[in-house]
Amino acid sequence: MFAKLRSLIRFIRCYSTLDREIDDRIHTSTGLMRIDETVPEDIFVVGYPKSGNTWMQNLLAGVVYGLDPEYMPDDLVDHLVPDVHYRRYYRRFGTPMHFKSHHLPRPGYRRVIYLLRDGRDVMVSFFHHLRTFHDDGKIDFGDMVRTGRNLYPSKWHEHVNAWQSNPYDAEIMILKYEDLLAAPVKQLVRTCQFLAITRSNSLIESVIEKSSFARMRAKEERFAQGNPARRKDKFLVRRGIVGSYKDEMPEQLLDLFLTDAAETLRASDYL
């Protein structure tokens, strides 16, 4: 048994060395870097899934780079503001870079914009998101809320609590989804201040207009049809409203969710 264990350890070490050699060759020949190779000045837009992450990714691509979000394919947006869960490599266009992430707190995440959304709306949106990639009936809403099955990277309240505790003493700006929806110009100006960049109100207003949910849905219809994993009768950009749980979350599931999340909702001024 010990011989097999030693063989396994040698294999893992050899694989790790080979993996690093491949990464080094890719960097030398293309300039691409591993997605986990970042610097302390980099900024991570972190939020529990379905908290406005993709919306903010588009807004940042427009504000930081001065491009028109309406005509940026998702792949271009993801090159400019890389999704750490989607890419193994990325290209640095400058410092700081901006990344999209759903991770729990990490030591390397030194500057963070934390997107916070009412967990009840998040659960409804997450359920519909999963149904975009699975046949009807394959995702059980009740089981998802009760056990956390299919949720990532944790339950909603665990994610929010972890980031609010700020275990690695990161510089964090908390941005509520509801505030961004109600006063987008004010919140993007606040975001620019956190990023230490200056942008005109006219640019900010244009980026907001071009990143509206109607425009993003239209862009999804134009550019996302090539995604073989997505059902053609479902869309990732859905309602995006505040309070969707009121007509989409059965009362018994709401009570079940509150068993875990009521304290976090209350601390975040959602109750």
C-alpha atoms as a PDB file:
ATOM      1  CA  MET A   1       0.000   0.000   0.000  1.00  0.00           C
ATOM      2  CA  PHE A   2       2.830   2.416   0.878  1.00  0.00           C
ATOM      3  CA  ALA A   3       4.531   1.673  -2.447  1.00  0.00           C
ATOM      4  CA  LYS A   4       1.345   2.614  -4.285  1.00  0.00           C
ATOM      5  CA  LEU A   5       1.071   5.783  -2.219  1.00  0.00           C
ATOM      6  CA  ARG A   6       4.659   6.763  -3.028  1.00  0.00           C
ATOM      7  CA  SER A   7       3.990   6.123  -6.719  1.00  0.00           C
ATOM      8  CA  LEU A   8       0.919   8.326  -6.564  1.00  0.00           C
ATOM      9  CA  ILE A   9       2.867  11.116  -4.881  1.00  0.00           C
ATOM     10  CA  ARG A  10       5.603  10.899  -7.546  1.00  0.00           C
ATOM     11  CA  PHE A  11       2.945  11.033 -10.273  1.00  0.00           C
ATOM     12  CA  ILE A  12       1.326  14.111  -8.734  1.00  0.00           C
ATOM     13  CA  ARG A  13       4.690  15.850  -8.488  1.00  0.00           C
ATOM     14  CA  CYS A  14       5.561  14.996 -12.080  1.00  0.00           C
ATOM     15  CA  TYR A  15       2.148  16.168 -13.259  1.00  0.00           C
ATOM     16  CA  SER A  16       2.489  19.453 -11.350  1.00  0.00           C
ATOM     17  CA  THR A  17       5.919  20.043 -12.865  1.00  0.00           C
ATOM     18  CA  LEU A  18       4.631  19.300 -16.362  1.00  0.00           C
ATOM     19  CA  ASP A  19       1.619  21.524 -15.763  1.00  0.00           C
ATOM     20  CA  ARG A  20       3.884  24.418 -14.807  1.00  0.00           C
ATOM     21  CA  GLU A  21       6.146  23.811 -17.824  1.00  0.00           C
ATOM     22  CA  ILE A  22       3.107  23.975 -20.121  1.00  0.00           C
ATOM     23  CA  ASP A  23       1.988  27.208 -18.482  1.00  0.00           C
ATOM     24  CA  ASP A  24       5.481  28.698 -18.890  1.00  0.00           C
ATOM     25  CA  ARG A  25       5.590  27.767 -22.583  1.00  0.00           C
ATOM     26  CA  ILE A  26       2.149  29.246 -23.183  1.00  0.00           C
ATOM     27  CA  HIS A  27       3.193  32.469 -21.457  1.00  0.00           C
ATOM     28  CA  THR A  28       6.444  32.660 -23.452  1.00  0.00           C
ATOM     29  CA  SER A  29       4.750  32.072 -26.807  1.00  0.00           C
ATOM     30  CA  THR A  30       1.500  34.014 -26.297  1.00  0.00           C
ATOM     31  CA  GLY A  31       1.964  36.351 -23.341  1.00  0.00           C
ATOM     32  CA  LEU A  32      -1.030  34.751 -21.615  1.00  0.00           C
ATOM     33  CA  MET A  33      -0.955  34.297 -17.848  1.00  0.00           C
ATOM     34  CA  ARG A  34      -2.594  31.767 -15.575  1.00  0.00           C
ATOM     35  CA  ILE A  35      -5.882  33.065 -14.232  1.00  0.00           C
ATOM     36  CA  ASP A  36      -4.578  32.776 -10.663  1.00  0.00           C
ATOM     37  CA  GLU A  37      -1.476  34.872 -11.384  1.00  0.00           C
ATOM     38  CA  THR A  38      -2.572  38.291 -10.203  1.00  0.00           C
ATOM     39  CA  VAL A  39      -1.093  41.234  -8.321  1.00  0.00           C
ATOM     40  CA  PRO A  40      -2.316  43.023  -5.170  1.00  0.00           C
ATOM     41  CA  GLU A  41      -3.488  46.035  -7.204  1.00  0.00           C
ATOM     42  CA  ASP A  42      -5.966  43.912  -9.182  1.00  0.00           C
ATOM     43  CA  ILE A  43      -9.677  44.269  -8.488  1.00  0.00           C
ATOM     44  CA  PHE A  44     -12.088  41.388  -8.078  1.00  0.00           C
ATOM     45  CA  VAL A  45     -15.807  41.846  -8.645  1.00  0.00           C
ATOM     46  CA  VAL A  46     -17.117  39.138  -6.358  1.00  0.00           C
ATOM     47  CA  GLY A  47     -20.681  38.130  -5.705  1.00  0.00           C
ATOM     48  CA  TYR A  48     -22.811  35.116  -5.092  1.00  0.00           C
ATOM     49  CA  PRO A  49     -24.069  33.828  -8.462  1.00  0.00           C
ATOM     50  CA  LYS A  50     -27.058  35.772  -9.842  1.00  0.00           C
ATOM     51  CA  SER A  51     -26.219  38.915  -7.872  1.00  0.00           C
ATOM     52  CA  GLY A  52     -25.660  41.076 -10.951  1.00  0.00           C
ATOM     53  CA  ASN A  53     -22.194  39.691 -11.688  1.00  0.00           C
ATOM     54  CA  THR A  54     -22.485  39.554 -15.492  1.00  0.00           C
ATOM     55  CA  TRP A  55     -24.235  42.925 -15.561  1.00  0.00           C
ATOM     56  CA  MET A  56     -21.383  44.462 -13.565  1.00  0.00           C
ATOM     57  CA  GLN A  57     -18.863  42.721 -15.813  1.00  0.00           C
ATOM     58  CA  ASN A  58     -20.415  44.478 -18.812  1.00  0.00           C
ATOM     59  CA  LEU A  59     -20.607  47.815 -16.987  1.00  0.00           C
ATOM     60  CA  LEU A  60     -16.939  47.628 -16.010  1.00  0.00           C
ATOM     61  CA  ALA A  61     -15.839  46.681 -19.526  1.00  0.00           C
ATOM     62  CA  GLY A  62     -17.660  49.764 -20.789  1.00  0.00           C
ATOM     63  CA  VAL A  63     -16.523  52.189 -18.088  1.00  0.00           C
ATOM     64  CA  VAL A  64     -12.901  51.068 -17.768  1.00  0.00           C
ATOM     65  CA  TYR A  65     -12.175  50.615 -21.490  1.00  0.00           C
ATOM     66  CA  GLY A  66     -14.636  53.146 -22.915  1.00  0.00           C
ATOM     67  CA  LEU A  67     -16.305  50.596 -25.203  1.00  0.00           C
ATOM     68  CA  ASP A  68     -19.954  50.173 -26.167  1.00  0.00           C
ATOM     69  CA  PRO A  69     -21.351  47.195 -24.176  1.00  0.00           C
ATOM     70  CA  GLU A  70     -24.236  46.754 -26.590  1.00  0.00           C
ATOM     71  CA  TYR A  71     -21.906  45.605 -29.362  1.00  0.00           C
ATOM     72  CA  MET A  72     -19.326  43.730 -27.280  1.00  0.00           C
ATOM     73  CA  PRO A  73     -19.715  39.949 -27.637  1.00  0.00           C
ATOM     74  CA  ASP A  74     -19.547  38.074 -24.346  1.00  0.00           C
ATOM     75  CA  ASP A  75     -16.150  36.655 -25.291  1.00  0.00           C
ATOM     76  CA  LEU A  76     -14.690  40.153 -25.656  1.00  0.00           C
ATOM     77  CA  VAL A  77     -16.206  41.227 -22.336  1.00  0.00           C
ATOM     78  CA  ASP A  78     -14.645  38.156 -20.738  1.00  0.00           C
ATOM     79  CA  HIS A  79     -11.243  39.007 -22.195  1.00  0.00           C
ATOM     80  CA  LEU A  80     -11.419  42.504 -20.726  1.00  0.00           C
ATOM     81  CA  VAL A  81     -12.894  41.459 -17.356  1.00  0.00           C
ATOM     82  CA  PRO A  82     -11.952  37.775 -17.116  1.00  0.00           C
ATOM     83  CA  ASP A  83     -14.203  35.312 -15.333  1.00  0.00           C
ATOM     84  CA  VAL A  84     -11.912  33.286 -13.064  1.00  0.00           C
ATOM     85  CA  HIS A  85     -14.257  30.283 -13.300  1.00  0.00           C
ATOM     86  CA  TYR A  86     -14.330  30.283 -17.087  1.00  0.00           C
ATOM     87  CA  ARG A  87     -10.742  30.894 -18.161  1.00  0.00           C
ATOM     88  CA  ARG A  88      -7.485  29.156 -17.333  1.00  0.00           C
ATOM     89  CA  TYR A  89      -5.429  31.901 -18.968  1.00  0.00           C
ATOM     90  CA  TYR A  90      -5.890  35.626 -19.496  1.00  0.00           C
ATOM     91  CA  ARG A  91      -4.078  38.536 -21.092  1.00  0.00           C
ATOM     92  CA  ARG A  92      -3.057  41.495 -18.959  1.00  0.00           C
ATOM     93  CA  PHE A  93      -3.988  44.766 -20.620  1.00  0.00           C
ATOM     94  CA  GLY A  94      -2.651  46.809 -17.723  1.00  0.00           C
ATOM     95  CA  THR A  95      -2.559  47.121 -13.961  1.00  0.00           C
ATOM     96  CA  PRO A  96      -4.932  46.871 -12.311  1.00  0.00           C
ATOM     97  CA  MET A  97      -6.828  44.146 -14.105  1.00  0.00           C
ATOM     98  CA  HIS A  98     -10.441  43.489 -13.186  1.00  0.00           C
ATOM     99  CA  PHE A  99     -11.804  39.997 -12.617  1.00  0.00           C
ATOM    100  CA  LYS A 100     -15.229  38.450 -12.114  1.00  0.00           C
ATOM    101  CA  SER A 101     -15.447  35.839  -9.360  1.00  0.00           C
ATOM    102  CA  HIS A 102     -17.868  33.913  -7.147  1.00  0.00           C
ATOM    103  CA  HIS A 103     -15.177  32.623  -4.799  1.00  0.00           C
ATOM    104  CA  LEU A 104     -15.281  32.769  -1.041  1.00  0.00           C
ATOM    105  CA  PRO A 105     -12.617  35.051   0.516  1.00  0.00           C
ATOM    106  CA  ARG A 106      -9.057  34.368  -0.646  1.00  0.00           C
ATOM    107  CA  PRO A 107      -5.759  35.833   0.544  1.00  0.00           C
ATOM    108  CA  GLY A 108      -4.912  37.061  -2.958  1.00  0.00           C
ATOM    109  CA  TYR A 109      -8.108  39.086  -3.292  1.00  0.00           C
ATOM    110  CA  ARG A 110      -6.826  42.377  -1.885  1.00  0.00           C
ATOM    111  CA  ARG A 111      -9.250  44.836  -3.570  1.00  0.00           C
ATOM    112  CA  VAL A 112     -12.834  43.687  -3.893  1.00  0.00           C
ATOM    113  CA  ILE A 113     -16.151  45.048  -5.103  1.00  0.00           C
ATOM    114  CA  TYR A 114     -18.642  42.782  -3.362  1.00  0.00           C
ATOM    115  CA  LEU A 115     -22.016  42.537  -5.098  1.00  0.00           C
ATOM    116  CA  LEU A 116     -24.817  41.953  -2.616  1.00  0.00           C
ATOM    117  CA  ARG A 117     -28.364  41.028  -3.626  1.00  0.00           C
ATOM    118  CA  ASP A 118     -31.428  39.953  -1.641  1.00  0.00           C
ATOM    119  CA  GLY A 119     -30.934  36.219  -1.193  1.00  0.00           C
ATOM    120  CA  ARG A 120     -34.599  35.478  -1.868  1.00  0.00           C
ATOM    121  CA  ASP A 121     -34.343  36.962  -5.359  1.00  0.00           C
ATOM    122  CA  VAL A 122     -30.997  35.220  -5.807  1.00  0.00           C
ATOM    123  CA  MET A 123     -32.551  31.805  -5.155  1.00  0.00           C
ATOM    124  CA  VAL A 124     -35.284  32.377  -7.715  1.00  0.00           C
ATOM    125  CA  SER A 125     -32.794  33.607 -10.319  1.00  0.00           C
ATOM    126  CA  PHE A 126     -30.370  30.763  -9.603  1.00  0.00           C
ATOM    127  CA  PHE A 127     -33.143  28.215 -10.061  1.00  0.00           C
ATOM    128  CA  HIS A 128     -34.052  29.637 -13.478  1.00  0.00           C
ATOM    129  CA  HIS A 129     -30.372  29.863 -14.406  1.00  0.00           C
ATOM    130  CA  LEU A 130     -29.905  26.143 -13.748  1.00  0.00           C
ATOM    131  CA  ARG A 131     -33.009  25.341 -15.778  1.00  0.00           C
ATOM    132  CA  THR A 132     -31.377  27.121 -18.719  1.00  0.00           C
ATOM    133  CA  PHE A 133     -28.912  24.235 -18.932  1.00  0.00           C
ATOM    134  CA  HIS A 134     -31.123  21.312 -17.852  1.00  0.00           C
ATOM    135  CA  ASP A 135     -34.403  19.791 -18.921  1.00  0.00           C
ATOM    136  CA  ASP A 136     -37.524  20.781 -16.977  1.00  0.00           C
ATOM    137  CA  GLY A 137     -37.868  18.679 -13.864  1.00  0.00           C
ATOM    138  CA  LYS A 138     -34.152  17.949 -13.513  1.00  0.00           C
ATOM    139  CA  ILE A 139     -33.646  20.796 -11.009  1.00  0.00           C
ATOM    140  CA  ASP A 140     -35.801  20.630  -7.876  1.00  0.00           C
ATOM    141  CA  PHE A 141     -36.287  24.099  -6.374  1.00  0.00           C
ATOM    142  CA  GLY A 142     -37.212  22.722  -2.966  1.00  0.00           C
ATOM    143  CA  ASP A 143     -34.227  20.400  -2.822  1.00  0.00           C
ATOM    144  CA  MET A 144     -31.932  23.229  -3.898  1.00  0.00           C
ATOM    145  CA  VAL A 145     -33.124  25.503  -1.075  1.00  0.00           C
ATOM    146  CA  ARG A 146     -33.253  22.760   1.547  1.00  0.00           C
ATOM    147  CA  THR A 147     -29.936  20.981   0.923  1.00  0.00           C
ATOM    148  CA  GLY A 148     -27.916  23.462  -1.114  1.00  0.00           C
ATOM    149  CA  ARG A 149     -27.554  20.902  -3.907  1.00  0.00           C
ATOM    150  CA  ASN A 150     -26.483  22.529  -7.211  1.00  0.00           C
ATOM    151  CA  LEU A 151     -25.610  25.774  -5.401  1.00  0.00           C
ATOM    152  CA  TYR A 152     -22.090  27.153  -5.782  1.00  0.00           C
ATOM    153  CA  PRO A 153     -19.792  27.865  -3.992  1.00  0.00           C
ATOM    154  CA  SER A 154     -21.878  27.647  -0.823  1.00  0.00           C
ATOM    155  CA  LYS A 155     -25.305  28.638   0.409  1.00  0.00           C
ATOM    156  CA  TRP A 156     -26.129  32.325  -0.039  1.00  0.00           C
ATOM    157  CA  HIS A 157     -25.950  33.298   3.627  1.00  0.00           C
ATOM    158  CA  GLU A 158     -22.608  31.517   4.051  1.00  0.00           C
ATOM    159  CA  HIS A 159     -21.118  33.470   1.150  1.00  0.00           C
ATOM    160  CA  VAL A 160     -22.375  36.839   2.394  1.00  0.00           C
ATOM    161  CA  ASN A 161     -21.294  36.146   5.977  1.00  0.00           C
ATOM    162  CA  ALA A 162     -17.833  35.058   4.852  1.00  0.00           C
ATOM    163  CA  TRP A 163     -17.234  38.218   2.856  1.00  0.00           C
ATOM    164  CA  GLN A 164     -18.687  40.521   5.486  1.00  0.00           C
ATOM    165  CA  SER A 165     -16.336  38.993   8.049  1.00  0.00           C
ATOM    166  CA  ASN A 166     -13.434  39.918   5.706  1.00  0.00           C
ATOM    167  CA  PRO A 167     -10.984  37.344   7.117  1.00  0.00           C
ATOM    168  CA  TYR A 168      -8.017  38.562   5.017  1.00  0.00           C
ATOM    169  CA  ASP A 169      -8.565  42.272   5.670  1.00  0.00           C
ATOM    170  CA  ALA A 170      -9.170  43.132   2.023  1.00  0.00           C
ATOM    171  CA  GLU A 171     -10.178  46.588   0.838  1.00  0.00           C
ATOM    172  CA  ILE A 172     -13.871  46.006   0.126  1.00  0.00           C
ATOM    173  CA  MET A 173     -16.586  48.145  -1.405  1.00  0.00           C
ATOM    174  CA  ILE A 174     -20.038  46.634  -0.919  1.00  0.00           C
ATOM    175  CA  LEU A 175     -22.349  47.365  -3.837  1.00  0.00           C
ATOM    176  CA  LYS A 176     -25.979  46.385  -3.486  1.00  0.00           C
ATOM    177  CA  TYR A 177     -27.688  45.149  -6.616  1.00  0.00           C
ATOM    178  CA  GLU A 178     -30.830  47.034  -5.636  1.00  0.00           C
ATOM    179  CA  ASP A 179     -28.915  50.323  -5.305  1.00  0.00           C
ATOM    180  CA  LEU A 180     -27.270  49.796  -8.684  1.00  0.00           C
ATOM    181  CA  LEU A 181     -30.680  49.197 -10.222  1.00  0.00           C
ATOM    182  CA  ALA A 182     -32.279  52.237  -8.542  1.00  0.00           C
ATOM    183  CA  ALA A 183     -29.450  54.751  -8.964  1.00  0.00           C
ATOM    184  CA  PRO A 184     -26.985  53.373 -11.527  1.00  0.00           C
ATOM    185  CA  VAL A 185     -25.157  56.632 -12.250  1.00  0.00           C
ATOM    186  CA  LYS A 186     -24.549  57.333  -8.560  1.00  0.00           C
ATOM    187  CA  GLN A 187     -23.315  53.787  -7.944  1.00  0.00           C
ATOM    188  CA  LEU A 188     -21.026  53.727 -10.984  1.00  0.00           C
ATOM    189  CA  VAL A 189     -19.525  57.074  -9.964  1.00  0.00           C
ATOM    190  CA  ARG A 190     -18.912  55.509  -6.558  1.00  0.00           C
ATOM    191  CA  THR A 191     -17.360  52.495  -8.290  1.00  0.00           C
ATOM    192  CA  CYS A 192     -15.057  54.732 -10.345  1.00  0.00           C
ATOM    193  CA  GLN A 193     -13.908  56.388  -7.131  1.00  0.00           C
ATOM    194  CA  PHE A 194     -13.058  52.980  -5.700  1.00  0.00           C
ATOM    195  CA  LEU A 195     -11.190  52.112  -8.905  1.00  0.00           C
ATOM    196  CA  ALA A 196      -9.371  55.466  -8.737  1.00  0.00           C
ATOM    197  CA  ILE A 197     -10.421  56.391 -12.272  1.00  0.00           C
ATOM    198  CA  THR A 198     -12.238  59.461 -13.576  1.00  0.00           C
ATOM    199  CA  ARG A 199     -14.999  59.113 -16.143  1.00  0.00           C
ATOM    200  CA  SER A 200     -17.474  61.665 -17.438  1.00  0.00           C
ATOM    201  CA  ASN A 201     -21.128  61.378 -16.533  1.00  0.00           C
ATOM    202  CA  SER A 202     -21.958  61.204 -20.222  1.00  0.00           C
ATOM    203  CA  LEU A 203     -19.823  58.078 -20.644  1.00  0.00           C
ATOM    204  CA  ILE A 204     -21.286  56.498 -17.502  1.00  0.00           C
ATOM    205  CA  GLU A 205     -24.830  57.251 -18.627  1.00  0.00           C
ATOM    206  CA  SER A 206     -24.144  55.819 -22.079  1.00  0.00           C
ATOM    207  CA  VAL A 207     -22.666  52.609 -20.630  1.00  0.00           C
ATOM    208  CA  ILE A 208     -25.667  52.208 -18.344  1.00  0.00           C
ATOM    209  CA  GLU A 209     -28.114  52.722 -21.206  1.00  0.00           C
ATOM    210  CA  LYS A 210     -26.262  50.256 -23.434  1.00  0.00           C
ATOM    211  CA  SER A 211     -26.145  47.688 -20.585  1.00  0.00           C
ATOM    212  CA  SER A 212     -29.861  47.756 -19.776  1.00  0.00           C
ATOM    213  CA  PHE A 213     -31.548  44.397 -19.358  1.00  0.00           C
ATOM    214  CA  ALA A 214     -33.437  44.883 -22.605  1.00  0.00           C
ATOM    215  CA  ARG A 215     -30.188  45.586 -24.485  1.00  0.00           C
ATOM    216  CA  MET A 216     -28.384  42.677 -22.784  1.00  0.00           C
ATOM    217  CA  ARG A 217     -31.227  40.307 -23.663  1.00  0.00           C
ATOM    218  CA  ALA A 218     -31.072  41.469 -27.279  1.00  0.00           C
ATOM    219  CA  LYS A 219     -27.297  40.953 -27.253  1.00  0.00           C
ATOM    220  CA  GLU A 220     -27.753  37.461 -25.846  1.00  0.00           C
ATOM    221  CA  GLU A 221     -30.146  36.651 -28.668  1.00  0.00           C
ATOM    222  CA  ARG A 222     -27.568  37.883 -31.214  1.00  0.00           C
ATOM    223  CA  PHE A 223     -24.404  36.386 -29.783  1.00  0.00           C
ATOM    224  CA  ALA A 224     -25.256  33.485 -27.448  1.00  0.00           C
ATOM    225  CA  GLN A 225     -27.018  31.154 -29.843  1.00  0.00           C
ATOM    226  CA  GLY A 226     -23.757  29.307 -30.424  1.00  0.00           C
ATOM    227  CA  ASN A 227     -23.605  28.019 -26.835  1.00  0.00           C
ATOM    228  CA  PRO A 228     -24.467  24.305 -27.215  1.00  0.00           C
ATOM    229  CA  ALA A 229     -25.037  23.854 -23.478  1.00  0.00           C
ATOM    230  CA  ARG A 230     -27.824  26.427 -23.292  1.00  0.00           C
ATOM    231  CA  ARG A 231     -31.430  25.572 -24.041  1.00  0.00           C
ATOM    232  CA  LYS A 232     -32.664  27.628 -26.969  1.00  0.00           C
ATOM    233  CA  ASP A 233     -35.979  28.397 -25.257  1.00  0.00           C
ATOM    234  CA  LYS A 234     -34.304  29.849 -22.134  1.00  0.00           C
ATOM    235  CA  PHE A 235     -32.271  33.003 -21.534  1.00  0.00           C
ATOM    236  CA  LEU A 236     -29.583  33.843 -18.996  1.00  0.00           C
ATOM    237  CA  VAL A 237     -30.757  37.466 -18.915  1.00  0.00           C
ATOM    238  CA  ARG A 238     -34.227  37.178 -17.439  1.00  0.00           C
ATOM    239  CA  ARG A 239     -36.229  39.639 -15.295  1.00  0.00           C
ATOM    240  CA  GLY A 240     -33.572  41.339 -13.183  1.00  0.00           C
ATOM    241  CA  ILE A 241     -36.162  43.009 -10.969  1.00  0.00           C
ATOM    242  CA  VAL A 242     -36.302  43.577  -7.214  1.00  0.00           C
ATOM    243  CA  GLY A 243     -38.736  41.359  -5.311  1.00  0.00           C
ATOM    244  CA  SER A 244     -39.164  38.618  -7.906  1.00  0.00           C
ATOM    245  CA  TYR A 245     -39.371  36.088  -5.066  1.00  0.00           C
ATOM    246  CA  LYS A 246     -42.789  37.479  -4.110  1.00  0.00           C
ATOM    247  CA  ASP A 247     -44.491  35.864  -7.096  1.00  0.00           C
ATOM    248  CA  GLU A 248     -41.972  33.115  -7.914  1.00  0.00           C
ATOM    249  CA  MET A 249     -40.989  31.553  -4.584  1.00  0.00           C
ATOM    250  CA  PRO A 250     -43.587  29.320  -2.904  1.00  0.00           C
ATOM    251  CA  GLU A 251     -44.307  30.325   0.686  1.00  0.00           C
ATOM    252  CA  GLN A 252     -43.064  27.033   2.147  1.00  0.00           C
ATOM    253  CA  LEU A 253     -39.745  27.416   0.333  1.00  0.00           C
ATOM    254  CA  LEU A 254     -39.453  31.001   1.502  1.00  0.00           C
ATOM    255  CA  ASP A 255     -39.935  29.861   5.104  1.00  0.00           C
ATOM    256  CA  LEU A 256     -37.323  27.167   4.572  1.00  0.00           C
ATOM    257  CA  PHE A 257     -34.854  29.653   3.144  1.00  0.00           C
ATOM    258  CA  LEU A 258     -35.431  32.042   6.041  1.00  0.00           C
ATOM    259  CA  THR A 259     -34.514  29.310   8.501  1.00  0.00           C
ATOM    260  CA  ASP A 260     -30.913  29.647   7.298  1.00  0.00           C
ATOM    261  CA  ALA A 261     -30.798  33.159   5.911  1.00  0.00           C
ATOM    262  CA  ALA A 262     -33.055  35.396   8.047  1.00  0.00           C
ATOM    263  CA  GLU A 263     -30.228  36.683  10.228  1.00  0.00           C
ATOM    264  CA  THR A 264     -28.063  37.553   7.204  1.00  0.00           C
ATOM    265  CA  LEU A 265     -30.992  39.195   5.418  1.00  0.00           C
ATOM    266  CA  ARG A 266     -31.707  41.251   8.523  1.00  0.00           C
ATOM    267  CA  ALA A 267     -28.063  42.278   8.943  1.00  0.00           C
ATOM    268  CA  SER A 268     -28.043  43.376   5.292  1.00  0.00           C
ATOM    269  CA  ASP A 269     -31.253  45.425   5.727  1.00  0.00           C
ATOM    270  CA  TYR A 270     -33.398  43.134   3.591  1.00  0.00           C
ATOM    271  CA  LEU A 271     -35.741  42.306   6.467  1.00  0.00           C
END
